[in-house]
Amino acid sequence: MQHAVELLAVLLLLAMGQCIVEPSSRLLRRVLYTFGWSVLAFGGAILVVSFPSLAVIAVQLAGLLIAMYVVRWVIASVVEHFHGPMLMAMPGKGEIAAAAARATGASPKDAKLATRRILRGNEGYLSLAALLTLGPQDAENLENAWQAACDKTRDDVNAMCLSLGGGKSPDRPSTSALQFLAQALCLYERESLKRVLGRFRECRLASRDGRERAMKLLQQQAQNNSRAELLGIEPPPSDDDGAPGPALRPEVLLWPALGFLRLGLRKRAVALSLSQAILILYGTAAVIAGHGFSGNSGYVFLGVALVIHIQALLAMGDFADAAAPAPAEAGRQG
């Protein structure tokens, strides 16, 4: 019974810690949702382990899935390296649908349907760049207008790619260069993009080195796309955007909740402190009361506290960015 109570306590405190360090609303609902799924997952695992024959199969299947995940991760990393650099991360379908609704004024239902169909037939970044050219006049016939914009944007990107040394041959553009330009169109004004890259012929977009040089030039000289911010796309910071923010202070490294408190996130700081304090105090007491490492649940509590500690430190930058005022707002305040 004690082990069952300890397991439930660990899962609840872990759910609290993980959900608190994620920038999301409805914390209580998210904690309960995560806790419920954790209980079901661990309950299923305990049930499987109770039957030795099933446990052997489960372990073999888990090992196979882990091996497949590692292989896929390695392949994806290699492909991303040669196709990079990436100017931006691809938003999810829900975010793109919301952006389409905001840009055109279409209903959320129509925007979701159009997004699903457009992304099925077109490359993701190209679809997003085409979306930036739409307006309220396209709300009634969103899918057809969006597809027409995709066709036009594809022709423009192909022509731009070949003119900027992004072709494997005189009439065959590089896939990596096309993706790079589609991302650039999402972040920078079209004419500014052409002007900046057109002046520097050494930026051959067919090569990774050329794309890296082009990325630096665009960050320094290109004009940000005015509609990108409207659709929730943030351009990458340039070298002239100001000095980097202050590093984490020593006390924040020791107790991440202090960092959340400095950012004005009092409720998150209190909840994170409560979660870590219970884990550390109970874990330390169990370790002191127990004998040896084997069978001592205190080390589990301390390990979970360490995991939450690391996750909180890694998430601090996201919360700092979210708490920082937007450029336009900062200008008004100044």
C-alpha atoms as a PDB file:
ATOM      1  CA  MET A   1       0.000   0.000   0.000  1.00  0.00           C
ATOM      2  CA  GLN A   2       2.832   2.357   0.847  1.00  0.00           C
ATOM      3  CA  HIS A   3       4.447   1.843  -2.552  1.00  0.00           C
ATOM      4  CA  ALA A   4       1.148   2.540  -4.318  1.00  0.00           C
ATOM      5  CA  VAL A   5       0.680   5.797  -2.392  1.00  0.00           C
ATOM      6  CA  GLU A   6       4.287   6.806  -3.104  1.00  0.00           C
ATOM      7  CA  LEU A   7       3.827   6.102  -6.816  1.00  0.00           C
ATOM      8  CA  LEU A   8       0.662   8.206  -6.992  1.00  0.00           C
ATOM      9  CA  ALA A   9       2.403  11.026  -5.094  1.00  0.00           C
ATOM     10  CA  VAL A  10       5.399  10.950  -7.435  1.00  0.00           C
ATOM     11  CA  LEU A  11       3.168  11.002 -10.515  1.00  0.00           C
ATOM     12  CA  LEU A  12       1.125  13.913  -9.168  1.00  0.00           C
ATOM     13  CA  LEU A  13       4.171  15.978  -8.208  1.00  0.00           C
ATOM     14  CA  LEU A  14       5.837  15.167 -11.528  1.00  0.00           C
ATOM     15  CA  ALA A  15       2.703  16.263 -13.400  1.00  0.00           C
ATOM     16  CA  MET A  16       2.690  19.495 -11.392  1.00  0.00           C
ATOM     17  CA  GLY A  17       6.320  20.224 -12.121  1.00  0.00           C
ATOM     18  CA  GLN A  18       6.136  19.429 -15.829  1.00  0.00           C
ATOM     19  CA  CYS A  19       2.955  21.411 -16.468  1.00  0.00           C
ATOM     20  CA  ILE A  20       4.131  24.428 -14.488  1.00  0.00           C
ATOM     21  CA  VAL A  21       7.264  24.842 -16.626  1.00  0.00           C
ATOM     22  CA  GLU A  22       5.258  24.732 -19.872  1.00  0.00           C
ATOM     23  CA  PRO A  23       3.936  28.110 -21.134  1.00  0.00           C
ATOM     24  CA  SER A  24       0.264  27.177 -21.244  1.00  0.00           C
ATOM     25  CA  SER A  25      -2.985  28.262 -19.676  1.00  0.00           C
ATOM     26  CA  ARG A  26      -5.437  26.194 -17.597  1.00  0.00           C
ATOM     27  CA  LEU A  27      -2.750  24.791 -15.317  1.00  0.00           C
ATOM     28  CA  LEU A  28      -5.071  22.846 -13.028  1.00  0.00           C
ATOM     29  CA  ARG A  29      -6.816  21.125 -15.934  1.00  0.00           C
ATOM     30  CA  ARG A  30      -3.488  20.296 -17.565  1.00  0.00           C
ATOM     31  CA  VAL A  31      -2.048  18.892 -14.326  1.00  0.00           C
ATOM     32  CA  LEU A  32      -5.068  16.649 -13.771  1.00  0.00           C
ATOM     33  CA  TYR A  33      -5.027  15.523 -17.423  1.00  0.00           C
ATOM     34  CA  THR A  34      -1.322  14.645 -17.278  1.00  0.00           C
ATOM     35  CA  PHE A  35      -1.727  12.933 -13.911  1.00  0.00           C
ATOM     36  CA  GLY A  36      -4.634  10.828 -15.188  1.00  0.00           C
ATOM     37  CA  TRP A  37      -2.752   9.612 -18.240  1.00  0.00           C
ATOM     38  CA  SER A  38       0.336   8.901 -16.111  1.00  0.00           C
ATOM     39  CA  VAL A  39      -1.708   6.754 -13.735  1.00  0.00           C
ATOM     40  CA  LEU A  40      -3.222   4.823 -16.647  1.00  0.00           C
ATOM     41  CA  ALA A  41       0.192   4.325 -18.255  1.00  0.00           C
ATOM     42  CA  PHE A  42       1.879   3.111 -15.074  1.00  0.00           C
ATOM     43  CA  GLY A  43      -1.146   1.002 -14.171  1.00  0.00           C
ATOM     44  CA  GLY A  44      -0.974  -0.701 -17.540  1.00  0.00           C
ATOM     45  CA  ALA A  45       2.764  -1.257 -17.155  1.00  0.00           C
ATOM     46  CA  ILE A  46       2.301  -2.793 -13.697  1.00  0.00           C
ATOM     47  CA  LEU A  47      -0.449  -5.048 -15.045  1.00  0.00           C
ATOM     48  CA  VAL A  48       1.780  -6.247 -17.887  1.00  0.00           C
ATOM     49  CA  VAL A  49       4.716  -6.883 -15.559  1.00  0.00           C
ATOM     50  CA  SER A  50       2.425  -9.013 -13.364  1.00  0.00           C
ATOM     51  CA  PHE A  51       2.345 -11.607 -16.163  1.00  0.00           C
ATOM     52  CA  PRO A  52       5.889 -12.811 -16.977  1.00  0.00           C
ATOM     53  CA  SER A  53       5.022 -13.967 -20.484  1.00  0.00           C
ATOM     54  CA  LEU A  54       3.513 -10.581 -21.346  1.00  0.00           C
ATOM     55  CA  ALA A  55       6.407  -8.773 -19.676  1.00  0.00           C
ATOM     56  CA  VAL A  56       8.962 -10.455 -21.957  1.00  0.00           C
ATOM     57  CA  ILE A  57       6.990  -9.483 -25.062  1.00  0.00           C
ATOM     58  CA  ALA A  58       6.477  -5.931 -23.750  1.00  0.00           C
ATOM     59  CA  VAL A  59      10.196  -5.474 -23.065  1.00  0.00           C
ATOM     60  CA  GLN A  60      11.109  -6.741 -26.526  1.00  0.00           C
ATOM     61  CA  LEU A  61       8.536  -4.473 -28.156  1.00  0.00           C
ATOM     62  CA  ALA A  62       9.729  -1.495 -26.112  1.00  0.00           C
ATOM     63  CA  GLY A  63      13.323  -2.172 -27.130  1.00  0.00           C
ATOM     64  CA  LEU A  64      12.305  -2.354 -30.787  1.00  0.00           C
ATOM     65  CA  LEU A  65      10.364   0.914 -30.563  1.00  0.00           C
ATOM     66  CA  ILE A  66      13.271   2.670 -28.845  1.00  0.00           C
ATOM     67  CA  ALA A  67      15.689   1.414 -31.506  1.00  0.00           C
ATOM     68  CA  MET A  68      13.345   2.623 -34.264  1.00  0.00           C
ATOM     69  CA  TYR A  69      13.043   6.019 -32.585  1.00  0.00           C
ATOM     70  CA  VAL A  70      16.835   6.393 -32.273  1.00  0.00           C
ATOM     71  CA  VAL A  71      17.384   5.414 -35.921  1.00  0.00           C
ATOM     72  CA  ARG A  72      14.680   7.825 -37.052  1.00  0.00           C
ATOM     73  CA  TRP A  73      16.149  10.612 -34.915  1.00  0.00           C
ATOM     74  CA  VAL A  74      19.639  10.052 -36.339  1.00  0.00           C
ATOM     75  CA  ILE A  75      18.354  10.032 -39.928  1.00  0.00           C
ATOM     76  CA  ALA A  76      16.226  13.144 -39.328  1.00  0.00           C
ATOM     77  CA  SER A  77      19.198  14.958 -37.775  1.00  0.00           C
ATOM     78  CA  VAL A  78      21.435  14.148 -40.744  1.00  0.00           C
ATOM     79  CA  VAL A  79      18.771  15.199 -43.253  1.00  0.00           C
ATOM     80  CA  GLU A  80      18.056  18.410 -41.352  1.00  0.00           C
ATOM     81  CA  HIS A  81      21.764  19.250 -41.262  1.00  0.00           C
ATOM     82  CA  PHE A  82      22.159  19.027 -45.031  1.00  0.00           C
ATOM     83  CA  HIS A  83      18.811  20.712 -45.743  1.00  0.00           C
ATOM     84  CA  GLY A  84      19.416  23.499 -43.213  1.00  0.00           C
ATOM     85  CA  PRO A  85      19.784  25.983 -41.839  1.00  0.00           C
ATOM     86  CA  MET A  86      16.185  26.407 -40.749  1.00  0.00           C
ATOM     87  CA  LEU A  87      14.942  29.972 -40.520  1.00  0.00           C
ATOM     88  CA  MET A  88      11.807  29.053 -38.592  1.00  0.00           C
ATOM     89  CA  ALA A  89       9.921  26.107 -37.186  1.00  0.00           C
ATOM     90  CA  MET A  90       6.852  24.906 -39.039  1.00  0.00           C
ATOM     91  CA  PRO A  91       3.682  25.735 -37.072  1.00  0.00           C
ATOM     92  CA  GLY A  92       1.143  23.013 -36.399  1.00  0.00           C
ATOM     93  CA  LYS A  93      -2.030  22.630 -38.444  1.00  0.00           C
ATOM     94  CA  GLY A  94      -4.115  24.211 -35.710  1.00  0.00           C
ATOM     95  CA  GLU A  95      -1.881  27.286 -35.616  1.00  0.00           C
ATOM     96  CA  ILE A  96      -1.938  27.617 -39.409  1.00  0.00           C
ATOM     97  CA  ALA A  97      -5.732  27.318 -39.452  1.00  0.00           C
ATOM     98  CA  ALA A  98      -5.995  30.020 -36.790  1.00  0.00           C
ATOM     99  CA  ALA A  99      -3.630  32.214 -38.827  1.00  0.00           C
ATOM    100  CA  ALA A 100      -5.754  31.698 -41.954  1.00  0.00           C
ATOM    101  CA  ALA A 101      -8.874  32.702 -40.037  1.00  0.00           C
ATOM    102  CA  ARG A 102      -7.186  35.844 -38.692  1.00  0.00           C
ATOM    103  CA  ALA A 103      -5.705  36.839 -42.043  1.00  0.00           C
ATOM    104  CA  THR A 104      -8.863  36.440 -44.101  1.00  0.00           C
ATOM    105  CA  GLY A 105     -11.698  36.639 -41.611  1.00  0.00           C
ATOM    106  CA  ALA A 106     -12.933  33.173 -42.601  1.00  0.00           C
ATOM    107  CA  SER A 107     -14.755  31.045 -40.036  1.00  0.00           C
ATOM    108  CA  PRO A 108     -12.585  28.673 -37.958  1.00  0.00           C
ATOM    109  CA  LYS A 109     -14.376  25.683 -39.492  1.00  0.00           C
ATOM    110  CA  ASP A 110     -13.664  26.804 -43.082  1.00  0.00           C
ATOM    111  CA  ALA A 111     -10.085  27.693 -42.143  1.00  0.00           C
ATOM    112  CA  LYS A 112      -9.457  24.226 -40.666  1.00  0.00           C
ATOM    113  CA  LEU A 113     -10.900  22.487 -43.729  1.00  0.00           C
ATOM    114  CA  ALA A 114      -8.886  24.624 -46.141  1.00  0.00           C
ATOM    115  CA  THR A 115      -5.698  24.174 -44.113  1.00  0.00           C
ATOM    116  CA  ARG A 116      -6.028  20.401 -44.096  1.00  0.00           C
ATOM    117  CA  ARG A 117      -6.542  20.242 -47.867  1.00  0.00           C
ATOM    118  CA  ILE A 118      -3.870  22.792 -48.756  1.00  0.00           C
ATOM    119  CA  LEU A 119      -1.193  21.155 -46.625  1.00  0.00           C
ATOM    120  CA  ARG A 120      -2.067  17.789 -48.116  1.00  0.00           C
ATOM    121  CA  GLY A 121      -1.248  18.978 -51.636  1.00  0.00           C
ATOM    122  CA  ASN A 122       1.493  21.562 -51.078  1.00  0.00           C
ATOM    123  CA  GLU A 123       4.771  21.906 -49.231  1.00  0.00           C
ATOM    124  CA  GLY A 124       4.258  23.339 -45.744  1.00  0.00           C
ATOM    125  CA  TYR A 125       6.457  26.448 -45.854  1.00  0.00           C
ATOM    126  CA  LEU A 126       5.283  27.276 -49.369  1.00  0.00           C
ATOM    127  CA  SER A 127       1.677  27.097 -48.154  1.00  0.00           C
ATOM    128  CA  LEU A 128       2.497  29.400 -45.265  1.00  0.00           C
ATOM    129  CA  ALA A 129       4.228  31.920 -47.551  1.00  0.00           C
ATOM    130  CA  ALA A 130       1.193  31.868 -49.866  1.00  0.00           C
ATOM    131  CA  LEU A 131      -1.116  32.439 -46.900  1.00  0.00           C
ATOM    132  CA  LEU A 132       0.652  35.718 -46.178  1.00  0.00           C
ATOM    133  CA  THR A 133      -0.570  37.076 -49.535  1.00  0.00           C
ATOM    134  CA  LEU A 134      -4.267  36.463 -48.759  1.00  0.00           C
ATOM    135  CA  GLY A 135      -6.700  38.985 -47.335  1.00  0.00           C
ATOM    136  CA  PRO A 136     -10.349  39.533 -46.351  1.00  0.00           C
ATOM    137  CA  GLN A 137     -11.401  39.339 -49.989  1.00  0.00           C
ATOM    138  CA  ASP A 138     -10.440  35.645 -50.000  1.00  0.00           C
ATOM    139  CA  ALA A 139     -12.613  34.604 -47.043  1.00  0.00           C
ATOM    140  CA  GLU A 140     -15.599  33.364 -49.066  1.00  0.00           C
ATOM    141  CA  ASN A 141     -13.545  31.083 -51.294  1.00  0.00           C
ATOM    142  CA  LEU A 142     -10.554  30.450 -49.066  1.00  0.00           C
ATOM    143  CA  GLU A 143      -9.378  27.092 -50.383  1.00  0.00           C
ATOM    144  CA  ASN A 144      -9.372  28.072 -54.076  1.00  0.00           C
ATOM    145  CA  ALA A 145      -7.768  31.432 -53.358  1.00  0.00           C
ATOM    146  CA  TRP A 146      -5.126  29.794 -51.176  1.00  0.00           C
ATOM    147  CA  GLN A 147      -4.342  27.167 -53.814  1.00  0.00           C
ATOM    148  CA  ALA A 148      -4.002  29.853 -56.486  1.00  0.00           C
ATOM    149  CA  ALA A 149      -1.637  31.743 -54.168  1.00  0.00           C
ATOM    150  CA  CYS A 150       0.360  28.536 -53.646  1.00  0.00           C
ATOM    151  CA  ASP A 151       0.734  28.060 -57.418  1.00  0.00           C
ATOM    152  CA  LYS A 152       1.878  31.652 -57.885  1.00  0.00           C
ATOM    153  CA  THR A 153       4.247  31.507 -54.926  1.00  0.00           C
ATOM    154  CA  ARG A 154       5.725  28.248 -56.212  1.00  0.00           C
ATOM    155  CA  ASP A 155       6.476  29.830 -59.591  1.00  0.00           C
ATOM    156  CA  ASP A 156       8.011  32.886 -57.921  1.00  0.00           C
ATOM    157  CA  VAL A 157      10.158  30.766 -55.591  1.00  0.00           C
ATOM    158  CA  ASN A 158      11.364  28.553 -58.464  1.00  0.00           C
ATOM    159  CA  ALA A 159      12.363  31.583 -60.550  1.00  0.00           C
ATOM    160  CA  MET A 160      14.017  33.301 -57.591  1.00  0.00           C
ATOM    161  CA  CYS A 161      15.855  30.121 -56.662  1.00  0.00           C
ATOM    162  CA  LEU A 162      17.380  29.650 -60.125  1.00  0.00           C
ATOM    163  CA  SER A 163      18.380  33.311 -60.327  1.00  0.00           C
ATOM    164  CA  LEU A 164      20.177  33.121 -56.966  1.00  0.00           C
ATOM    165  CA  GLY A 165      22.288  30.054 -57.680  1.00  0.00           C
ATOM    166  CA  GLY A 166      19.918  27.629 -56.059  1.00  0.00           C
ATOM    167  CA  GLY A 167      19.746  25.133 -58.894  1.00  0.00           C
ATOM    168  CA  LYS A 168      21.325  21.729 -59.291  1.00  0.00           C
ATOM    169  CA  SER A 169      21.256  22.516 -63.009  1.00  0.00           C
ATOM    170  CA  PRO A 170      20.204  25.568 -65.053  1.00  0.00           C
ATOM    171  CA  ASP A 171      16.557  24.446 -64.988  1.00  0.00           C
ATOM    172  CA  ARG A 172      16.393  22.256 -61.880  1.00  0.00           C
ATOM    173  CA  PRO A 173      16.135  24.062 -58.515  1.00  0.00           C
ATOM    174  CA  SER A 174      17.485  22.508 -55.315  1.00  0.00           C
ATOM    175  CA  THR A 175      14.862  21.248 -52.878  1.00  0.00           C
ATOM    176  CA  SER A 176      16.823  22.669 -49.941  1.00  0.00           C
ATOM    177  CA  ALA A 177      17.101  26.060 -51.626  1.00  0.00           C
ATOM    178  CA  LEU A 178      13.373  26.100 -52.379  1.00  0.00           C
ATOM    179  CA  GLN A 179      12.557  25.351 -48.758  1.00  0.00           C
ATOM    180  CA  PHE A 180      14.965  28.044 -47.580  1.00  0.00           C
ATOM    181  CA  LEU A 181      13.389  30.682 -49.830  1.00  0.00           C
ATOM    182  CA  ALA A 182       9.864  29.666 -48.820  1.00  0.00           C
ATOM    183  CA  GLN A 183      10.833  30.157 -45.173  1.00  0.00           C
ATOM    184  CA  ALA A 184      12.481  33.487 -46.023  1.00  0.00           C
ATOM    185  CA  LEU A 185       9.289  34.689 -47.722  1.00  0.00           C
ATOM    186  CA  CYS A 186       7.412  33.978 -44.493  1.00  0.00           C
ATOM    187  CA  LEU A 187       9.794  36.190 -42.518  1.00  0.00           C
ATOM    188  CA  TYR A 188      10.885  38.963 -44.890  1.00  0.00           C
ATOM    189  CA  GLU A 189       9.287  41.256 -47.461  1.00  0.00           C
ATOM    190  CA  ARG A 190       9.518  39.784 -50.957  1.00  0.00           C
ATOM    191  CA  GLU A 191      11.192  42.754 -52.657  1.00  0.00           C
ATOM    192  CA  SER A 192      13.607  43.238 -49.782  1.00  0.00           C
ATOM    193  CA  LEU A 193      14.520  39.549 -49.956  1.00  0.00           C
ATOM    194  CA  LYS A 194      15.246  39.763 -53.680  1.00  0.00           C
ATOM    195  CA  ARG A 195      17.242  42.957 -53.279  1.00  0.00           C
ATOM    196  CA  VAL A 196      19.447  41.701 -50.427  1.00  0.00           C
ATOM    197  CA  LEU A 197      20.242  38.315 -51.935  1.00  0.00           C
ATOM    198  CA  GLY A 198      20.535  39.702 -55.458  1.00  0.00           C
ATOM    199  CA  ARG A 199      23.489  41.884 -54.437  1.00  0.00           C
ATOM    200  CA  PHE A 200      25.497  38.957 -53.106  1.00  0.00           C
ATOM    201  CA  ARG A 201      26.056  36.369 -55.778  1.00  0.00           C
ATOM    202  CA  GLU A 202      28.432  34.394 -53.557  1.00  0.00           C
ATOM    203  CA  CYS A 203      25.402  33.154 -51.599  1.00  0.00           C
ATOM    204  CA  ARG A 204      24.745  30.098 -53.751  1.00  0.00           C
ATOM    205  CA  LEU A 205      21.617  28.714 -52.192  1.00  0.00           C
ATOM    206  CA  ALA A 206      22.244  25.235 -53.541  1.00  0.00           C
ATOM    207  CA  SER A 207      24.991  24.788 -50.913  1.00  0.00           C
ATOM    208  CA  ARG A 208      24.595  24.812 -47.153  1.00  0.00           C
ATOM    209  CA  ASP A 209      27.391  27.383 -46.745  1.00  0.00           C
ATOM    210  CA  GLY A 210      25.620  29.669 -49.191  1.00  0.00           C
ATOM    211  CA  ARG A 211      22.353  29.379 -47.289  1.00  0.00           C
ATOM    212  CA  GLU A 212      24.128  30.138 -44.011  1.00  0.00           C
ATOM    213  CA  ARG A 213      25.644  33.305 -45.499  1.00  0.00           C
ATOM    214  CA  ALA A 214      22.269  34.242 -46.948  1.00  0.00           C
ATOM    215  CA  MET A 215      20.607  33.772 -43.561  1.00  0.00           C
ATOM    216  CA  LYS A 216      23.074  36.154 -41.902  1.00  0.00           C
ATOM    217  CA  LEU A 217      22.590  38.754 -44.635  1.00  0.00           C
ATOM    218  CA  LEU A 218      18.827  38.582 -44.333  1.00  0.00           C
ATOM    219  CA  GLN A 219      18.944  38.948 -40.562  1.00  0.00           C
ATOM    220  CA  GLN A 220      21.150  42.021 -40.914  1.00  0.00           C
ATOM    221  CA  GLN A 221      19.651  43.796 -43.925  1.00  0.00           C
ATOM    222  CA  ALA A 222      16.244  42.460 -44.971  1.00  0.00           C
ATOM    223  CA  GLN A 223      12.971  44.090 -43.974  1.00  0.00           C
ATOM    224  CA  ASN A 224      10.737  41.931 -41.800  1.00  0.00           C
ATOM    225  CA  ASN A 225       7.449  40.835 -43.293  1.00  0.00           C
ATOM    226  CA  SER A 226       4.789  43.060 -41.746  1.00  0.00           C
ATOM    227  CA  ARG A 227       2.162  40.306 -41.934  1.00  0.00           C
ATOM    228  CA  ALA A 228       4.337  37.674 -40.272  1.00  0.00           C
ATOM    229  CA  GLU A 229       3.719  39.159 -36.842  1.00  0.00           C
ATOM    230  CA  LEU A 230      -0.015  39.335 -37.576  1.00  0.00           C
ATOM    231  CA  LEU A 231      -0.040  35.603 -38.264  1.00  0.00           C
ATOM    232  CA  GLY A 232       1.981  34.759 -35.165  1.00  0.00           C
ATOM    233  CA  ILE A 233       5.310  34.196 -36.931  1.00  0.00           C
ATOM    234  CA  GLU A 234       8.255  35.820 -35.210  1.00  0.00           C
ATOM    235  CA  PRO A 235      11.258  36.792 -37.362  1.00  0.00           C
ATOM    236  CA  PRO A 236      14.656  35.681 -36.043  1.00  0.00           C
ATOM    237  CA  PRO A 237      16.502  38.346 -34.064  1.00  0.00           C
ATOM    238  CA  SER A 238      19.236  40.227 -35.871  1.00  0.00           C
ATOM    239  CA  ASP A 239      22.646  41.084 -34.490  1.00  0.00           C
ATOM    240  CA  ASP A 240      21.511  44.691 -33.974  1.00  0.00           C
ATOM    241  CA  ASP A 241      18.465  43.929 -31.865  1.00  0.00           C
ATOM    242  CA  GLY A 242      20.364  44.758 -28.708  1.00  0.00           C
ATOM    243  CA  ALA A 243      22.549  43.061 -26.159  1.00  0.00           C
ATOM    244  CA  PRO A 244      21.609  39.604 -25.018  1.00  0.00           C
ATOM    245  CA  GLY A 245      19.521  39.241 -21.901  1.00  0.00           C
ATOM    246  CA  PRO A 246      21.165  38.636 -18.534  1.00  0.00           C
ATOM    247  CA  ALA A 247      22.251  35.109 -17.762  1.00  0.00           C
ATOM    248  CA  LEU A 248      20.599  33.072 -15.043  1.00  0.00           C
ATOM    249  CA  ARG A 249      21.616  34.224 -11.608  1.00  0.00           C
ATOM    250  CA  PRO A 250      23.243  31.760  -9.185  1.00  0.00           C
ATOM    251  CA  GLU A 251      20.202  31.680  -6.911  1.00  0.00           C
ATOM    252  CA  VAL A 252      17.950  30.861  -9.883  1.00  0.00           C
ATOM    253  CA  LEU A 253      20.241  27.979 -10.831  1.00  0.00           C
ATOM    254  CA  LEU A 254      19.862  26.616  -7.321  1.00  0.00           C
ATOM    255  CA  TRP A 255      16.085  27.228  -7.060  1.00  0.00           C
ATOM    256  CA  PRO A 256      14.340  27.836 -10.436  1.00  0.00           C
ATOM    257  CA  ALA A 257      11.138  29.070  -8.773  1.00  0.00           C
ATOM    258  CA  LEU A 258      12.974  32.331  -8.004  1.00  0.00           C
ATOM    259  CA  GLY A 259      13.337  32.914 -11.731  1.00  0.00           C
ATOM    260  CA  PHE A 260       9.586  32.481 -12.259  1.00  0.00           C
ATOM    261  CA  LEU A 261       9.012  34.888  -9.377  1.00  0.00           C
ATOM    262  CA  ARG A 262      11.270  37.501 -11.018  1.00  0.00           C
ATOM    263  CA  LEU A 263       9.211  37.169 -14.201  1.00  0.00           C
ATOM    264  CA  GLY A 264       6.022  37.931 -12.271  1.00  0.00           C
ATOM    265  CA  LEU A 265       4.699  34.364 -12.412  1.00  0.00           C
ATOM    266  CA  ARG A 266       3.913  34.085  -8.716  1.00  0.00           C
ATOM    267  CA  LYS A 267       1.431  31.190  -8.900  1.00  0.00           C
ATOM    268  CA  ARG A 268       3.794  29.089 -10.987  1.00  0.00           C
ATOM    269  CA  ALA A 269       6.666  29.895  -8.633  1.00  0.00           C
ATOM    270  CA  VAL A 270       4.656  28.818  -5.582  1.00  0.00           C
ATOM    271  CA  ALA A 271       3.447  25.603  -7.230  1.00  0.00           C
ATOM    272  CA  LEU A 272       6.935  24.740  -8.490  1.00  0.00           C
ATOM    273  CA  SER A 273       8.445  25.404  -5.051  1.00  0.00           C
ATOM    274  CA  LEU A 274       5.802  23.240  -3.407  1.00  0.00           C
ATOM    275  CA  SER A 275       6.359  20.376  -5.830  1.00  0.00           C
ATOM    276  CA  GLN A 276      10.158  20.439  -5.534  1.00  0.00           C
ATOM    277  CA  ALA A 277      10.150  20.936  -1.767  1.00  0.00           C
ATOM    278  CA  ILE A 278       7.899  17.921  -1.132  1.00  0.00           C
ATOM    279  CA  LEU A 279       9.944  15.731  -3.471  1.00  0.00           C
ATOM    280  CA  ILE A 280      13.257  16.767  -1.927  1.00  0.00           C
ATOM    281  CA  LEU A 281      12.134  16.612   1.712  1.00  0.00           C
ATOM    282  CA  TYR A 282      10.399  13.250   1.419  1.00  0.00           C
ATOM    283  CA  GLY A 283      13.171  11.828  -0.739  1.00  0.00           C
ATOM    284  CA  THR A 284      15.876  12.955   1.680  1.00  0.00           C
ATOM    285  CA  ALA A 285      13.964  11.591   4.677  1.00  0.00           C
ATOM    286  CA  ALA A 286      13.420   8.236   2.952  1.00  0.00           C
ATOM    287  CA  VAL A 287      17.106   7.984   2.004  1.00  0.00           C
ATOM    288  CA  ILE A 288      18.201   8.752   5.568  1.00  0.00           C
ATOM    289  CA  ALA A 289      15.717   6.310   7.073  1.00  0.00           C
ATOM    290  CA  GLY A 290      16.491   3.552   4.579  1.00  0.00           C
ATOM    291  CA  HIS A 291      19.554   1.384   4.245  1.00  0.00           C
ATOM    292  CA  GLY A 292      21.384   1.162   0.956  1.00  0.00           C
ATOM    293  CA  PHE A 293      20.304   1.994  -2.575  1.00  0.00           C
ATOM    294  CA  SER A 294      18.262  -1.095  -3.442  1.00  0.00           C
ATOM    295  CA  GLY A 295      14.553  -0.787  -2.687  1.00  0.00           C
ATOM    296  CA  ASN A 296      14.875   2.765  -1.338  1.00  0.00           C
ATOM    297  CA  SER A 297      12.095   4.892  -2.838  1.00  0.00           C
ATOM    298  CA  GLY A 298      13.738   8.088  -1.648  1.00  0.00           C
ATOM    299  CA  TYR A 299      16.093   8.094  -4.614  1.00  0.00           C
ATOM    300  CA  VAL A 300      13.083   8.035  -6.960  1.00  0.00           C
ATOM    301  CA  PHE A 301      11.695  11.192  -5.349  1.00  0.00           C
ATOM    302  CA  LEU A 302      15.073  12.913  -5.543  1.00  0.00           C
ATOM    303  CA  GLY A 303      15.461  11.863  -9.172  1.00  0.00           C
ATOM    304  CA  VAL A 304      12.049  13.308 -10.086  1.00  0.00           C
ATOM    305  CA  ALA A 305      12.973  16.549  -8.285  1.00  0.00           C
ATOM    306  CA  LEU A 306      16.153  16.744 -10.388  1.00  0.00           C
ATOM    307  CA  VAL A 307      14.206  16.179 -13.614  1.00  0.00           C
ATOM    308  CA  ILE A 308      11.771  18.990 -12.756  1.00  0.00           C
ATOM    309  CA  HIS A 309      14.706  21.229 -11.773  1.00  0.00           C
ATOM    310  CA  ILE A 310      16.387  20.764 -15.171  1.00  0.00           C
ATOM    311  CA  GLN A 311      13.110  21.224 -17.070  1.00  0.00           C
ATOM    312  CA  ALA A 312      12.426  24.470 -15.207  1.00  0.00           C
ATOM    313  CA  LEU A 313      15.832  25.884 -16.074  1.00  0.00           C
ATOM    314  CA  LEU A 314      15.423  24.943 -19.737  1.00  0.00           C
ATOM    315  CA  ALA A 315      11.946  26.525 -19.849  1.00  0.00           C
ATOM    316  CA  MET A 316      13.084  29.790 -18.264  1.00  0.00           C
ATOM    317  CA  GLY A 317      14.041  31.279 -21.627  1.00  0.00           C
ATOM    318  CA  ASP A 318      10.579  30.646 -23.094  1.00  0.00           C
ATOM    319  CA  PHE A 319       8.896  32.400 -20.187  1.00  0.00           C
ATOM    320  CA  ALA A 320      11.359  35.296 -20.386  1.00  0.00           C
ATOM    321  CA  ASP A 321      10.571  35.766 -24.097  1.00  0.00           C
ATOM    322  CA  ALA A 322       6.846  35.621 -23.398  1.00  0.00           C
ATOM    323  CA  ALA A 323       7.165  38.184 -20.608  1.00  0.00           C
ATOM    324  CA  ALA A 324       9.232  40.592 -22.738  1.00  0.00           C
ATOM    325  CA  PRO A 325       7.240  43.396 -24.430  1.00  0.00           C
ATOM    326  CA  ALA A 326       6.827  43.252 -28.199  1.00  0.00           C
ATOM    327  CA  PRO A 327       9.025  45.627 -30.248  1.00  0.00           C
ATOM    328  CA  ALA A 328       6.110  47.934 -31.112  1.00  0.00           C
ATOM    329  CA  GLU A 329       4.962  48.029 -27.495  1.00  0.00           C
ATOM    330  CA  ALA A 330       8.502  48.701 -26.283  1.00  0.00           C
ATOM    331  CA  GLY A 331       8.749  51.586 -28.746  1.00  0.00           C
ATOM    332  CA  ARG A 332       5.527  53.119 -27.401  1.00  0.00           C
ATOM    333  CA  GLN A 333       6.758  52.745 -23.848  1.00  0.00           C
ATOM    334  CA  GLY A 334      10.063  54.376 -24.751  1.00  0.00           C
END
